[in-house]
């Protein structure tokens, strides 16, 4: 079974979380701290059960590298 659907569903959930948790004004970049993003993503991915721990770590590493270029903040465009 492909991971495409669970991953897309998870990323959609993460986009909504960013939009809810951001302190940016309406219509802004919807940034959230990497620590918050990492916690939520790890939690939701573990509940899903379709995404391996290796895939979770690799994805978060990639996002962290991008966030470091933006003062530790994750932007929706990063994923």
Protein backbone atom coordinates (compact mmCIF):
# COMPACT_ATOMS: atom_id res chain seq x y z
CA UNK A 1 0.00 0.00 0.00
CA UNK A 2 1.32 3.45 -0.91
CA UNK A 3 1.99 6.14 1.71
CA UNK A 4 0.71 8.86 -0.62
CA UNK A 5 -2.79 9.21 0.85
CA UNK A 6 -1.81 9.15 4.55
CA UNK A 7 1.02 11.60 3.90
CA UNK A 8 -1.21 14.00 1.96
CA UNK A 9 -3.89 13.80 4.64
CA UNK A 10 -1.28 14.44 7.35
CA UNK A 11 0.18 17.41 5.47
CA UNK A 12 -3.30 18.85 5.04
CA UNK A 13 -3.80 18.54 8.80
CA UNK A 14 -0.44 20.21 9.41
CA UNK A 15 -1.39 23.10 7.12
CA UNK A 16 -4.57 23.62 9.11
CA UNK A 17 -2.62 23.44 12.38
CA UNK A 18 -0.19 26.11 11.12
CA UNK A 19 -3.08 28.35 10.14
CA UNK A 20 -4.69 27.91 13.57
CA UNK A 21 -1.56 28.22 15.71
CA UNK A 22 0.25 31.03 13.90
CA UNK A 23 0.63 34.50 15.33
CA UNK A 24 0.89 35.90 11.80
CA UNK A 25 -1.97 38.11 10.63
CA UNK A 26 -4.78 36.63 8.56
CA UNK A 27 -3.46 35.76 5.10
CA UNK A 28 0.15 35.79 6.31
CA UNK A 29 2.75 33.03 6.05
CA UNK A 30 1.16 31.00 8.90
CA UNK A 31 4.55 30.37 10.53
CA UNK A 32 4.91 28.23 13.65
CA UNK A 33 8.02 27.26 15.62
CA UNK A 34 9.78 24.12 14.41
CA UNK A 35 9.42 22.56 17.88
CA UNK A 36 5.64 22.89 17.70
CA UNK A 37 5.53 21.58 14.14
CA UNK A 38 7.79 18.65 15.00
CA UNK A 39 5.72 17.68 18.04
CA UNK A 40 2.42 17.77 16.13
CA UNK A 41 3.75 16.02 13.04
CA UNK A 42 5.39 13.24 15.07
CA UNK A 43 2.25 12.73 17.13
CA UNK A 44 -0.13 12.64 14.17
CA UNK A 45 2.18 10.45 12.08
CA UNK A 46 2.51 7.93 14.91
CA UNK A 47 -1.27 7.75 15.30
CA UNK A 48 -1.66 7.25 11.55
CA UNK A 49 0.65 4.24 11.62
CA UNK A 50 1.27 4.25 7.85
CA UNK A 51 4.41 6.39 7.95
CA UNK A 52 7.59 4.76 9.22
CA UNK A 53 9.76 6.25 11.95
CA UNK A 54 12.54 6.60 9.38
CA UNK A 55 10.28 8.59 7.06
CA UNK A 56 9.13 10.80 9.95
CA UNK A 57 12.70 11.58 10.99
CA UNK A 58 13.82 12.26 7.41
CA UNK A 59 10.89 14.60 6.77
CA UNK A 60 11.43 16.50 10.01
CA UNK A 61 15.15 16.84 9.31
CA UNK A 62 14.37 18.40 5.93
CA UNK A 63 11.81 20.77 7.49
CA UNK A 64 14.23 21.73 10.27
CA UNK A 65 16.89 22.71 7.73
CA UNK A 66 14.39 25.00 6.00
CA UNK A 67 13.13 26.42 9.30
CA UNK A 68 16.67 27.29 10.40
CA UNK A 69 16.83 29.72 7.48
CA UNK A 70 13.69 31.44 8.84
CA UNK A 71 14.62 31.96 12.50
CA UNK A 72 13.39 28.49 13.48
CA UNK A 73 9.94 29.00 12.00
CA UNK A 74 8.16 26.54 9.69
CA UNK A 75 6.25 28.04 6.80
CA UNK A 76 3.52 26.14 4.96
CA UNK A 77 5.56 26.34 1.76
CA UNK A 78 8.28 24.27 3.48
CA UNK A 79 6.11 21.19 3.10
